[in-house]
Amino acid sequence: MTIERIEGGARMSMAVVHNATVYLAGQVAHGKAGGSIAEQTGDVLASVDEILAKAGTDKTKILSATIYLVDIAHFAEMNGIWDAWLAPGCAPARATVQATLAGPQFGVEISVTAAL
């Protein structure tokens, strides 16, 4: 059994690959932290693209996604960016919940699981 850890650290890895499946850690906006939900969502999705590429896959292979919003009132704003980013015909299983995130500068966090 092979397990590959991508950008692994002492506490967590950005992604783990096992059995032709890629599990991404929750991604938050780094470049746009504190920005609008639309800006943060775009930044997060760019990180998702980057990490999936490092694992050898892409957004067309996403199986499931969990989206955490600090305020569910931003659901439509986040969805506008998500819908434009998502590859046509490749919508994953998805849940969106309201949650407290790791810092007040973060308004959205996204975690995905993808096939290789």
PDB file of N, CA and C in Angstrom:
ATOM      1  N   MET A   1       0.852  -1.167   0.000  1.00  0.00           N
ATOM      2  CA  MET A   1       0.000   0.000   0.000  1.00  0.00           C
ATOM      3  C   MET A   1       0.901   1.234   0.000  1.00  0.00           C
ATOM      4  N   THR A   2       0.685   2.110  -0.979  1.00  0.00           N
ATOM      5  CA  THR A   2       1.478   3.319  -1.097  1.00  0.00           C
ATOM      6  C   THR A   2       0.644   4.518  -0.693  1.00  0.00           C
ATOM      7  N   ILE A   3       1.229   5.375   0.133  1.00  0.00           N
ATOM      8  CA  ILE A   3       0.602   6.632   0.520  1.00  0.00           C
ATOM      9  C   ILE A   3       1.605   7.730   0.200  1.00  0.00           C
ATOM     10  N   GLU A   4       1.161   8.713  -0.599  1.00  0.00           N
ATOM     11  CA  GLU A   4       2.000   9.854  -0.946  1.00  0.00           C
ATOM     12  C   GLU A   4       1.445  11.093  -0.245  1.00  0.00           C
ATOM     13  N   ARG A   5       2.326  11.819   0.413  1.00  0.00           N
ATOM     14  CA  ARG A   5       1.932  13.056   1.089  1.00  0.00           C
ATOM     15  C   ARG A   5       2.521  14.239   0.320  1.00  0.00           C
ATOM     16  N   ILE A   6       1.659  15.178  -0.030  1.00  0.00           N
ATOM     17  CA  ILE A   6       2.060  16.344  -0.796  1.00  0.00           C
ATOM     18  C   ILE A   6       2.121  17.545   0.137  1.00  0.00           C
ATOM     19  N   GLU A   7       3.268  18.224   0.125  1.00  0.00           N
ATOM     20  CA  GLU A   7       3.507  19.364   1.015  1.00  0.00           C
ATOM     21  C   GLU A   7       3.202  18.983   2.463  1.00  0.00           C
ATOM     22  N   GLY A   8       3.810  17.882   2.883  1.00  0.00           N
ATOM     23  CA  GLY A   8       3.604  17.381   4.238  1.00  0.00           C
ATOM     24  C   GLY A   8       4.370  18.179   5.272  1.00  0.00           C
ATOM     25  N   GLY A   9       3.786  18.320   6.416  1.00  0.00           N
ATOM     26  CA  GLY A   9       4.407  19.007   7.533  1.00  0.00           C
ATOM     27  C   GLY A   9       4.228  18.198   8.800  1.00  0.00           C
ATOM     28  N   ALA A  10       4.608  18.788   9.917  1.00  0.00           N
ATOM     29  CA  ALA A  10       4.508  18.100  11.197  1.00  0.00           C
ATOM     30  C   ALA A  10       3.051  17.877  11.605  1.00  0.00           C
ATOM     31  N   ARG A  11       2.163  18.798  11.236  1.00  0.00           N
ATOM     32  CA  ARG A  11       0.771  18.730  11.663  1.00  0.00           C
ATOM     33  C   ARG A  11      -0.162  18.175  10.591  1.00  0.00           C
ATOM     34  N   MET A  12       0.116  18.514   9.333  1.00  0.00           N
ATOM     35  CA  MET A  12      -0.801  18.115   8.258  1.00  0.00           C
ATOM     36  C   MET A  12      -0.092  18.156   6.917  1.00  0.00           C
ATOM     37  N   SER A  13      -0.726  17.539   5.930  1.00  0.00           N
ATOM     38  CA  SER A  13      -0.276  17.596   4.545  1.00  0.00           C
ATOM     39  C   SER A  13      -1.329  18.349   3.745  1.00  0.00           C
ATOM     40  N   MET A  14      -0.906  19.036   2.683  1.00  0.00           N
ATOM     41  CA  MET A  14      -1.870  19.734   1.828  1.00  0.00           C
ATOM     42  C   MET A  14      -2.738  18.733   1.080  1.00  0.00           C
ATOM     43  N   ALA A  15      -2.168  17.567   0.782  1.00  0.00           N
ATOM     44  CA  ALA A  15      -2.931  16.493   0.136  1.00  0.00           C
ATOM     45  C   ALA A  15      -2.287  15.154   0.457  1.00  0.00           C
ATOM     46  N   VAL A  16      -3.102  14.126   0.403  1.00  0.00           N
ATOM     47  CA  VAL A  16      -2.638  12.761   0.579  1.00  0.00           C
ATOM     48  C   VAL A  16      -3.235  11.940  -0.558  1.00  0.00           C
ATOM     49  N   VAL A  17      -2.380  11.158  -1.216  1.00  0.00           N
ATOM     50  CA  VAL A  17      -2.819  10.313  -2.317  1.00  0.00           C
ATOM     51  C   VAL A  17      -2.744   8.858  -1.865  1.00  0.00           C
ATOM     52  N   HIS A  18      -3.847   8.151  -2.034  1.00  0.00           N
ATOM     53  CA  HIS A  18      -3.896   6.733  -1.682  1.00  0.00           C
ATOM     54  C   HIS A  18      -4.929   6.051  -2.569  1.00  0.00           C
ATOM     55  N   ASN A  19      -4.543   4.912  -3.111  1.00  0.00           N
ATOM     56  CA  ASN A  19      -5.480   4.082  -3.856  1.00  0.00           C
ATOM     57  C   ASN A  19      -6.193   4.862  -4.962  1.00  0.00           C
ATOM     58  N   ALA A  20      -5.446   5.660  -5.734  1.00  0.00           N
ATOM     59  CA  ALA A  20      -5.951   6.449  -6.872  1.00  0.00           C
ATOM     60  C   ALA A  20      -6.952   7.528  -6.460  1.00  0.00           C
ATOM     61  N   THR A  21      -6.873   7.955  -5.202  1.00  0.00           N
ATOM     62  CA  THR A  21      -7.742   9.019  -4.693  1.00  0.00           C
ATOM     63  C   THR A  21      -6.877  10.072  -4.014  1.00  0.00           C
ATOM     64  N   VAL A  22      -7.214  11.337  -4.251  1.00  0.00           N
ATOM     65  CA  VAL A  22      -6.488  12.464  -3.664  1.00  0.00           C
ATOM     66  C   VAL A  22      -7.403  13.162  -2.661  1.00  0.00           C
ATOM     67  N   TYR A  23      -6.915  13.316  -1.452  1.00  0.00           N
ATOM     68  CA  TYR A  23      -7.662  13.981  -0.382  1.00  0.00           C
ATOM     69  C   TYR A  23      -6.967  15.301  -0.069  1.00  0.00           C
ATOM     70  N   LEU A  24      -7.624  16.415  -0.334  1.00  0.00           N
ATOM     71  CA  LEU A  24      -7.036  17.724  -0.041  1.00  0.00           C
ATOM     72  C   LEU A  24      -7.448  18.204   1.336  1.00  0.00           C
ATOM     73  N   ALA A  25      -6.506  18.826   2.023  1.00  0.00           N
ATOM     74  CA  ALA A  25      -6.821  19.518   3.268  1.00  0.00           C
ATOM     75  C   ALA A  25      -7.688  20.726   2.919  1.00  0.00           C
ATOM     76  N   GLY A  26      -8.401  21.232   3.892  1.00  0.00           N
ATOM     77  CA  GLY A  26      -9.186  22.438   3.670  1.00  0.00           C
ATOM     78  C   GLY A  26      -8.278  23.585   3.251  1.00  0.00           C
ATOM     79  N   GLN A  27      -8.658  24.285   2.185  1.00  0.00           N
ATOM     80  CA  GLN A  27      -7.866  25.391   1.654  1.00  0.00           C
ATOM     81  C   GLN A  27      -8.539  26.712   1.991  1.00  0.00           C
ATOM     82  N   VAL A  28      -7.756  27.662   2.453  1.00  0.00           N
ATOM     83  CA  VAL A  28      -8.242  29.015   2.730  1.00  0.00           C
ATOM     84  C   VAL A  28      -7.480  29.999   1.854  1.00  0.00           C
ATOM     85  N   ALA A  29      -8.006  31.200   1.759  1.00  0.00           N
ATOM     86  CA  ALA A  29      -7.362  32.232   0.942  1.00  0.00           C
ATOM     87  C   ALA A  29      -6.103  32.711   1.637  1.00  0.00           C
ATOM     88  N   HIS A  30      -5.000  32.676   0.929  1.00  0.00           N
ATOM     89  CA  HIS A  30      -3.764  33.220   1.485  1.00  0.00           C
ATOM     90  C   HIS A  30      -3.491  34.588   0.884  1.00  0.00           C
ATOM     91  N   GLY A  31      -3.558  34.687  -0.430  1.00  0.00           N
ATOM     92  CA  GLY A  31      -3.308  35.960  -1.090  1.00  0.00           C
ATOM     93  C   GLY A  31      -4.433  36.965  -0.923  1.00  0.00           C
ATOM     94  N   LYS A  32      -5.649  36.470  -0.701  1.00  0.00           N
ATOM     95  CA  LYS A  32      -6.819  37.342  -0.597  1.00  0.00           C
ATOM     96  C   LYS A  32      -7.476  37.264   0.781  1.00  0.00           C
ATOM     97  N   ALA A  33      -6.756  36.805   1.787  1.00  0.00           N
ATOM     98  CA  ALA A  33      -7.309  36.742   3.144  1.00  0.00           C
ATOM     99  C   ALA A  33      -7.801  38.131   3.537  1.00  0.00           C
ATOM    100  N   GLY A  34      -8.999  38.184   4.076  1.00  0.00           N
ATOM    101  CA  GLY A  34      -9.590  39.459   4.467  1.00  0.00           C
ATOM    102  C   GLY A  34     -10.358  40.124   3.344  1.00  0.00           C
ATOM    103  N   GLY A  35     -10.257  39.598   2.115  1.00  0.00           N
ATOM    104  CA  GLY A  35     -10.981  40.160   0.985  1.00  0.00           C
ATOM    105  C   GLY A  35     -12.433  39.706   0.978  1.00  0.00           C
ATOM    106  N   SER A  36     -13.136  40.069  -0.082  1.00  0.00           N
ATOM    107  CA  SER A  36     -14.534  39.658  -0.219  1.00  0.00           C
ATOM    108  C   SER A  36     -14.616  38.139  -0.352  1.00  0.00           C
ATOM    109  N   ILE A  37     -15.805  37.600  -0.154  1.00  0.00           N
ATOM    110  CA  ILE A  37     -15.990  36.156  -0.311  1.00  0.00           C
ATOM    111  C   ILE A  37     -15.672  35.739  -1.738  1.00  0.00           C
ATOM    112  N   ALA A  38     -16.038  36.556  -2.714  1.00  0.00           N
ATOM    113  CA  ALA A  38     -15.726  36.244  -4.113  1.00  0.00           C
ATOM    114  C   ALA A  38     -14.212  36.184  -4.319  1.00  0.00           C
ATOM    115  N   GLU A  39     -13.482  37.161  -3.791  1.00  0.00           N
ATOM    116  CA  GLU A  39     -12.015  37.169  -3.928  1.00  0.00           C
ATOM    117  C   GLU A  39     -11.401  35.959  -3.228  1.00  0.00           C
ATOM    118  N   GLN A  40     -11.864  35.679  -2.018  1.00  0.00           N
ATOM    119  CA  GLN A  40     -11.320  34.543  -1.276  1.00  0.00           C
ATOM    120  C   GLN A  40     -11.634  33.223  -1.967  1.00  0.00           C
ATOM    121  N   THR A  41     -12.849  33.080  -2.471  1.00  0.00           N
ATOM    122  CA  THR A  41     -13.223  31.843  -3.154  1.00  0.00           C
ATOM    123  C   THR A  41     -12.341  31.622  -4.375  1.00  0.00           C
ATOM    124  N   GLY A  42     -12.109  32.662  -5.156  1.00  0.00           N
ATOM    125  CA  GLY A  42     -11.226  32.544  -6.316  1.00  0.00           C
ATOM    126  C   GLY A  42      -9.823  32.127  -5.921  1.00  0.00           C
ATOM    127  N   ASP A  43      -9.310  32.707  -4.842  1.00  0.00           N
ATOM    128  CA  ASP A  43      -7.975  32.381  -4.350  1.00  0.00           C
ATOM    129  C   ASP A  43      -7.913  30.922  -3.887  1.00  0.00           C
ATOM    130  N   VAL A  44      -8.926  30.487  -3.165  1.00  0.00           N
ATOM    131  CA  VAL A  44      -8.979  29.109  -2.680  1.00  0.00           C
ATOM    132  C   VAL A  44      -9.027  28.135  -3.850  1.00  0.00           C
ATOM    133  N   LEU A  45      -9.855  28.429  -4.832  1.00  0.00           N
ATOM    134  CA  LEU A  45      -9.981  27.521  -5.973  1.00  0.00           C
ATOM    135  C   LEU A  45      -8.694  27.460  -6.790  1.00  0.00           C
ATOM    136  N   ALA A  46      -7.955  28.545  -6.846  1.00  0.00           N
ATOM    137  CA  ALA A  46      -6.639  28.523  -7.498  1.00  0.00           C
ATOM    138  C   ALA A  46      -5.696  27.581  -6.741  1.00  0.00           C
ATOM    139  N   SER A  47      -5.762  27.596  -5.418  1.00  0.00           N
ATOM    140  CA  SER A  47      -4.955  26.671  -4.606  1.00  0.00           C
ATOM    141  C   SER A  47      -5.375  25.232  -4.847  1.00  0.00           C
ATOM    142  N   VAL A  48      -6.674  24.992  -4.930  1.00  0.00           N
ATOM    143  CA  VAL A  48      -7.171  23.645  -5.218  1.00  0.00           C
ATOM    144  C   VAL A  48      -6.612  23.166  -6.554  1.00  0.00           C
ATOM    145  N   ASP A  49      -6.686  24.015  -7.586  1.00  0.00           N
ATOM    146  CA  ASP A  49      -6.129  23.657  -8.896  1.00  0.00           C
ATOM    147  C   ASP A  49      -4.655  23.298  -8.793  1.00  0.00           C
ATOM    148  N   GLU A  50      -3.901  24.113  -8.069  1.00  0.00           N
ATOM    149  CA  GLU A  50      -2.456  23.900  -7.936  1.00  0.00           C
ATOM    150  C   GLU A  50      -2.128  22.584  -7.237  1.00  0.00           C
ATOM    151  N   ILE A  51      -2.811  22.305  -6.166  1.00  0.00           N
ATOM    152  CA  ILE A  51      -2.529  21.083  -5.406  1.00  0.00           C
ATOM    153  C   ILE A  51      -2.984  19.846  -6.180  1.00  0.00           C
ATOM    154  N   LEU A  52      -4.136  19.927  -6.829  1.00  0.00           N
ATOM    155  CA  LEU A  52      -4.582  18.796  -7.657  1.00  0.00           C
ATOM    156  C   LEU A  52      -3.562  18.506  -8.754  1.00  0.00           C
ATOM    157  N   ALA A  53      -3.010  19.549  -9.372  1.00  0.00           N
ATOM    158  CA  ALA A  53      -1.996  19.362 -10.416  1.00  0.00           C
ATOM    159  C   ALA A  53      -0.757  18.670  -9.852  1.00  0.00           C
ATOM    160  N   LYS A  54      -0.330  19.063  -8.657  1.00  0.00           N
ATOM    161  CA  LYS A  54       0.824  18.408  -8.025  1.00  0.00           C
ATOM    162  C   LYS A  54       0.567  16.925  -7.787  1.00  0.00           C
ATOM    163  N   ALA A  55      -0.695  16.576  -7.566  1.00  0.00           N
ATOM    164  CA  ALA A  55      -1.064  15.176  -7.322  1.00  0.00           C
ATOM    165  C   ALA A  55      -1.266  14.407  -8.624  1.00  0.00           C
ATOM    166  N   GLY A  56      -1.316  15.131  -9.754  1.00  0.00           N
ATOM    167  CA  GLY A  56      -1.492  14.465 -11.035  1.00  0.00           C
ATOM    168  C   GLY A  56      -2.932  14.361 -11.495  1.00  0.00           C
ATOM    169  N   THR A  57      -3.780  15.259 -11.030  1.00  0.00           N
ATOM    170  CA  THR A  57      -5.183  15.246 -11.434  1.00  0.00           C
ATOM    171  C   THR A  57      -5.664  16.683 -11.615  1.00  0.00           C
ATOM    172  N   ASP A  58      -6.963  16.869 -11.782  1.00  0.00           N
ATOM    173  CA  ASP A  58      -7.502  18.215 -11.967  1.00  0.00           C
ATOM    174  C   ASP A  58      -8.963  18.273 -11.525  1.00  0.00           C
ATOM    175  N   LYS A  59      -9.556  19.449 -11.658  1.00  0.00           N
ATOM    176  CA  LYS A  59     -10.916  19.678 -11.144  1.00  0.00           C
ATOM    177  C   LYS A  59     -11.981  18.842 -11.846  1.00  0.00           C
ATOM    178  N   THR A  60     -11.694  18.318 -13.021  1.00  0.00           N
ATOM    179  CA  THR A  60     -12.680  17.470 -13.698  1.00  0.00           C
ATOM    180  C   THR A  60     -12.847  16.121 -13.009  1.00  0.00           C
ATOM    181  N   LYS A  61     -11.932  15.808 -12.103  1.00  0.00           N
ATOM    182  CA  LYS A  61     -11.958  14.515 -11.411  1.00  0.00           C
ATOM    183  C   LYS A  61     -12.397  14.644  -9.945  1.00  0.00           C
ATOM    184  N   ILE A  62     -12.895  15.823  -9.550  1.00  0.00           N
ATOM    185  CA  ILE A  62     -13.333  15.999  -8.158  1.00  0.00           C
ATOM    186  C   ILE A  62     -14.569  15.135  -7.908  1.00  0.00           C
ATOM    187  N   LEU A  63     -14.498  14.347  -6.847  1.00  0.00           N
ATOM    188  CA  LEU A  63     -15.597  13.465  -6.469  1.00  0.00           C
ATOM    189  C   LEU A  63     -16.542  14.136  -5.478  1.00  0.00           C
ATOM    190  N   SER A  64     -15.954  14.841  -4.509  1.00  0.00           N
ATOM    191  CA  SER A  64     -16.775  15.513  -3.500  1.00  0.00           C
ATOM    192  C   SER A  64     -16.081  16.776  -3.026  1.00  0.00           C
ATOM    193  N   ALA A  65     -16.885  17.696  -2.531  1.00  0.00           N
ATOM    194  CA  ALA A  65     -16.367  18.957  -1.996  1.00  0.00           C
ATOM    195  C   ALA A  65     -17.172  19.335  -0.770  1.00  0.00           C
ATOM    196  N   THR A  66     -16.473  19.890   0.213  1.00  0.00           N
ATOM    197  CA  THR A  66     -17.130  20.472   1.382  1.00  0.00           C
ATOM    198  C   THR A  66     -16.676  21.913   1.458  1.00  0.00           C
ATOM    199  N   ILE A  67     -17.653  22.818   1.524  1.00  0.00           N
ATOM    200  CA  ILE A  67     -17.377  24.248   1.560  1.00  0.00           C
ATOM    201  C   ILE A  67     -17.870  24.788   2.896  1.00  0.00           C
ATOM    202  N   TYR A  68     -16.981  25.484   3.586  1.00  0.00           N
ATOM    203  CA  TYR A  68     -17.296  26.084   4.879  1.00  0.00           C
ATOM    204  C   TYR A  68     -17.349  27.600   4.701  1.00  0.00           C
ATOM    205  N   LEU A  69     -18.462  28.200   5.074  1.00  0.00           N
ATOM    206  CA  LEU A  69     -18.625  29.651   5.018  1.00  0.00           C
ATOM    207  C   LEU A  69     -18.807  30.188   6.423  1.00  0.00           C
ATOM    208  N   VAL A  70     -18.130  31.283   6.737  1.00  0.00           N
ATOM    209  CA  VAL A  70     -18.303  31.913   8.046  1.00  0.00           C
ATOM    210  C   VAL A  70     -19.735  32.414   8.203  1.00  0.00           C
ATOM    211  N   ASP A  71     -20.319  32.880   7.100  1.00  0.00           N
ATOM    212  CA  ASP A  71     -21.691  33.379   7.113  1.00  0.00           C
ATOM    213  C   ASP A  71     -22.413  32.827   5.894  1.00  0.00           C
ATOM    214  N   ILE A  72     -23.420  32.002   6.101  1.00  0.00           N
ATOM    215  CA  ILE A  72     -24.150  31.363   5.005  1.00  0.00           C
ATOM    216  C   ILE A  72     -24.843  32.396   4.112  1.00  0.00           C
ATOM    217  N   ALA A  73     -24.951  33.626   4.582  1.00  0.00           N
ATOM    218  CA  ALA A  73     -25.513  34.702   3.758  1.00  0.00           C
ATOM    219  C   ALA A  73     -24.650  34.954   2.514  1.00  0.00           C
ATOM    220  N   HIS A  74     -23.403  34.480   2.520  1.00  0.00           N
ATOM    221  CA  HIS A  74     -22.499  34.640   1.380  1.00  0.00           C
ATOM    222  C   HIS A  74     -22.584  33.472   0.393  1.00  0.00           C
ATOM    223  N   PHE A  75     -23.580  32.614   0.578  1.00  0.00           N
ATOM    224  CA  PHE A  75     -23.748  31.418  -0.253  1.00  0.00           C
ATOM    225  C   PHE A  75     -23.803  31.769  -1.745  1.00  0.00           C
ATOM    226  N   ALA A  76     -24.628  32.724  -2.129  1.00  0.00           N
ATOM    227  CA  ALA A  76     -24.778  33.094  -3.546  1.00  0.00           C
ATOM    228  C   ALA A  76     -23.485  33.694  -4.107  1.00  0.00           C
ATOM    229  N   GLU A  77     -22.803  34.518  -3.322  1.00  0.00           N
ATOM    230  CA  GLU A  77     -21.545  35.126  -3.772  1.00  0.00           C
ATOM    231  C   GLU A  77     -20.489  34.056  -4.028  1.00  0.00           C
ATOM    232  N   MET A  78     -20.376  33.109  -3.116  1.00  0.00           N
ATOM    233  CA  MET A  78     -19.424  32.010  -3.276  1.00  0.00           C
ATOM    234  C   MET A  78     -19.807  31.163  -4.480  1.00  0.00           C
ATOM    235  N   ASN A  79     -21.108  30.855  -4.625  1.00  0.00           N
ATOM    236  CA  ASN A  79     -21.566  30.016  -5.734  1.00  0.00           C
ATOM    237  C   ASN A  79     -21.286  30.649  -7.092  1.00  0.00           C
ATOM    238  N   GLY A  80     -21.337  31.961  -7.195  1.00  0.00           N
ATOM    239  CA  GLY A  80     -21.036  32.625  -8.460  1.00  0.00           C
ATOM    240  C   GLY A  80     -19.629  32.305  -8.940  1.00  0.00           C
ATOM    241  N   ILE A  81     -18.676  32.299  -8.021  1.00  0.00           N
ATOM    242  CA  ILE A  81     -17.282  31.978  -8.364  1.00  0.00           C
ATOM    243  C   ILE A  81     -17.133  30.475  -8.591  1.00  0.00           C
ATOM    244  N   TRP A  82     -17.711  29.680  -7.719  1.00  0.00           N
ATOM    245  CA  TRP A  82     -17.660  28.215  -7.842  1.00  0.00           C
ATOM    246  C   TRP A  82     -18.218  27.775  -9.189  1.00  0.00           C
ATOM    247  N   ASP A  83     -19.403  28.277  -9.549  1.00  0.00           N
ATOM    248  CA  ASP A  83     -20.055  27.858 -10.790  1.00  0.00           C
ATOM    249  C   ASP A  83     -19.219  28.212 -12.021  1.00  0.00           C
ATOM    250  N   ALA A  84     -18.580  29.378 -12.009  1.00  0.00           N
ATOM    251  CA  ALA A  84     -17.735  29.791 -13.141  1.00  0.00           C
ATOM    252  C   ALA A  84     -16.466  28.944 -13.232  1.00  0.00           C
ATOM    253  N   TRP A  85     -15.969  28.467 -12.096  1.00  0.00           N
ATOM    254  CA  TRP A  85     -14.729  27.671 -12.042  1.00  0.00           C
ATOM    255  C   TRP A  85     -14.969  26.215 -12.416  1.00  0.00           C
ATOM    256  N   LEU A  86     -16.101  25.678 -12.017  1.00  0.00           N
ATOM    257  CA  LEU A  86     -16.389  24.263 -12.189  1.00  0.00           C
ATOM    258  C   LEU A  86     -16.425  23.887 -13.669  1.00  0.00           C
ATOM    259  N   ALA A  87     -15.812  22.780 -14.017  1.00  0.00           N
ATOM    260  CA  ALA A  87     -15.832  22.288 -15.399  1.00  0.00           C
ATOM    261  C   ALA A  87     -17.241  21.802 -15.738  1.00  0.00           C
ATOM    262  N   PRO A  88     -17.767  22.192 -16.901  1.00  0.00           N
ATOM    263  CA  PRO A  88     -19.119  21.767 -17.290  1.00  0.00           C
ATOM    264  C   PRO A  88     -19.261  20.241 -17.251  1.00  0.00           C
ATOM    265  N   GLY A  89     -20.352  19.785 -16.670  1.00  0.00           N
ATOM    266  CA  GLY A  89     -20.629  18.358 -16.588  1.00  0.00           C
ATOM    267  C   GLY A  89     -19.838  17.620 -15.534  1.00  0.00           C
ATOM    268  N   CYS A  90     -19.081  18.337 -14.698  1.00  0.00           N
ATOM    269  CA  CYS A  90     -18.212  17.690 -13.702  1.00  0.00           C
ATOM    270  C   CYS A  90     -18.559  18.083 -12.267  1.00  0.00           C
ATOM    271  N   ALA A  91     -19.811  18.388 -12.006  1.00  0.00           N
ATOM    272  CA  ALA A  91     -20.206  18.787 -10.646  1.00  0.00           C
ATOM    273  C   ALA A  91     -20.034  17.613  -9.674  1.00  0.00           C
ATOM    274  N   PRO A  92     -19.294  17.833  -8.587  1.00  0.00           N
ATOM    275  CA  PRO A  92     -19.100  16.761  -7.605  1.00  0.00           C
ATOM    276  C   PRO A  92     -20.270  16.716  -6.613  1.00  0.00           C
ATOM    277  N   ALA A  93     -20.290  15.676  -5.800  1.00  0.00           N
ATOM    278  CA  ALA A  93     -21.159  15.694  -4.632  1.00  0.00           C
ATOM    279  C   ALA A  93     -20.640  16.831  -3.755  1.00  0.00           C
ATOM    280  N   ARG A  94     -21.535  17.599  -3.117  1.00  0.00           N
ATOM    281  CA  ARG A  94     -21.070  18.785  -2.397  1.00  0.00           C
ATOM    282  C   ARG A  94     -21.946  19.089  -1.200  1.00  0.00           C
ATOM    283  N   ALA A  95     -21.310  19.600  -0.154  1.00  0.00           N
ATOM    284  CA  ALA A  95     -22.016  20.130   1.010  1.00  0.00           C
ATOM    285  C   ALA A  95     -21.451  21.509   1.302  1.00  0.00           C
ATOM    286  N   THR A  96     -22.315  22.413   1.726  1.00  0.00           N
ATOM    287  CA  THR A  96     -21.883  23.744   2.137  1.00  0.00           C
ATOM    288  C   THR A  96     -22.480  24.002   3.508  1.00  0.00           C
ATOM    289  N   VAL A  97     -21.625  24.400   4.455  1.00  0.00           N
ATOM    290  CA  VAL A  97     -22.077  24.624   5.829  1.00  0.00           C
ATOM    291  C   VAL A  97     -21.522  25.944   6.359  1.00  0.00           C
ATOM    292  N   GLN A  98     -22.192  26.470   7.349  1.00  0.00           N
ATOM    293  CA  GLN A  98     -21.685  27.645   8.052  1.00  0.00           C
ATOM    294  C   GLN A  98     -20.815  27.158   9.202  1.00  0.00           C
ATOM    295  N   ALA A  99     -19.637  27.779   9.343  1.00  0.00           N
ATOM    296  CA  ALA A  99     -18.690  27.320  10.366  1.00  0.00           C
ATOM    297  C   ALA A  99     -17.769  28.460  10.788  1.00  0.00           C
ATOM    298  N   THR A 100     -17.224  28.348  11.979  1.00  0.00           N
ATOM    299  CA  THR A 100     -16.163  29.241  12.420  1.00  0.00           C
ATOM    300  C   THR A 100     -14.855  28.704  11.860  1.00  0.00           C
ATOM    301  N   LEU A 101     -14.082  29.573  11.210  1.00  0.00           N
ATOM    302  CA  LEU A 101     -12.824  29.134  10.613  1.00  0.00           C
ATOM    303  C   LEU A 101     -11.642  29.497  11.500  1.00  0.00           C
ATOM    304  N   ALA A 102     -10.437  29.145  11.063  1.00  0.00           N
ATOM    305  CA  ALA A 102      -9.234  29.261  11.882  1.00  0.00           C
ATOM    306  C   ALA A 102      -8.851  30.689  12.262  1.00  0.00           C
ATOM    307  N   GLY A 103      -9.292  31.670  11.508  1.00  0.00           N
ATOM    308  CA  GLY A 103      -8.964  33.059  11.818  1.00  0.00           C
ATOM    309  C   GLY A 103     -10.024  33.983  11.254  1.00  0.00           C
ATOM    310  N   PRO A 104     -10.158  35.174  11.817  1.00  0.00           N
ATOM    311  CA  PRO A 104     -11.206  36.100  11.375  1.00  0.00           C
ATOM    312  C   PRO A 104     -10.996  36.632   9.955  1.00  0.00           C
ATOM    313  N   GLN A 105      -9.799  36.495   9.417  1.00  0.00           N
ATOM    314  CA  GLN A 105      -9.516  36.953   8.056  1.00  0.00           C
ATOM    315  C   GLN A 105     -10.044  35.989   6.990  1.00  0.00           C
ATOM    316  N   PHE A 106     -10.460  34.791   7.401  1.00  0.00           N
ATOM    317  CA  PHE A 106     -10.933  33.783   6.469  1.00  0.00           C
ATOM    318  C   PHE A 106     -12.457  33.726   6.466  1.00  0.00           C
ATOM    319  N   GLY A 107     -13.040  33.805   5.268  1.00  0.00           N
ATOM    320  CA  GLY A 107     -14.498  33.733   5.129  1.00  0.00           C
ATOM    321  C   GLY A 107     -14.979  32.461   4.477  1.00  0.00           C
ATOM    322  N   VAL A 108     -14.054  31.747   3.831  1.00  0.00           N
ATOM    323  CA  VAL A 108     -14.428  30.503   3.138  1.00  0.00           C
ATOM    324  C   VAL A 108     -13.261  29.526   3.198  1.00  0.00           C
ATOM    325  N   GLU A 109     -13.593  28.254   3.328  1.00  0.00           N
ATOM    326  CA  GLU A 109     -12.614  27.170   3.285  1.00  0.00           C
ATOM    327  C   GLU A 109     -13.220  26.058   2.452  1.00  0.00           C
ATOM    328  N   ILE A 110     -12.410  25.444   1.595  1.00  0.00           N
ATOM    329  CA  ILE A 110     -12.907  24.380   0.718  1.00  0.00           C
ATOM    330  C   ILE A 110     -11.978  23.172   0.799  1.00  0.00           C
ATOM    331  N   SER A 111     -12.585  22.001   0.939  1.00  0.00           N
ATOM    332  CA  SER A 111     -11.857  20.741   0.942  1.00  0.00           C
ATOM    333  C   SER A 111     -12.455  19.858  -0.132  1.00  0.00           C
ATOM    334  N   VAL A 112     -11.614  19.175  -0.909  1.00  0.00           N
ATOM    335  CA  VAL A 112     -12.115  18.294  -1.957  1.00  0.00           C
ATOM    336  C   VAL A 112     -11.426  16.934  -1.913  1.00  0.00           C
ATOM    337  N   THR A 113     -12.090  15.965  -2.499  1.00  0.00           N
ATOM    338  CA  THR A 113     -11.544  14.646  -2.739  1.00  0.00           C
ATOM    339  C   THR A 113     -11.670  14.401  -4.237  1.00  0.00           C
ATOM    340  N   ALA A 114     -10.603  13.911  -4.857  1.00  0.00           N
ATOM    341  CA  ALA A 114     -10.605  13.715  -6.312  1.00  0.00           C
ATOM    342  C   ALA A 114     -10.002  12.372  -6.682  1.00  0.00           C
ATOM    343  N   ALA A 115     -10.381  11.897  -7.850  1.00  0.00           N
ATOM    344  CA  ALA A 115      -9.795  10.683  -8.405  1.00  0.00           C
ATOM    345  C   ALA A 115      -8.542  11.069  -9.201  1.00  0.00           C
ATOM    346  N   LEU A 116      -7.629  10.127  -9.342  1.00  0.00           N
ATOM    347  CA  LEU A 116      -6.453  10.342 -10.201  1.00  0.00           C
ATOM    348  C   LEU A 116      -6.825  10.085 -11.643  1.00  0.00           C
TER     349      LEU A 116
END
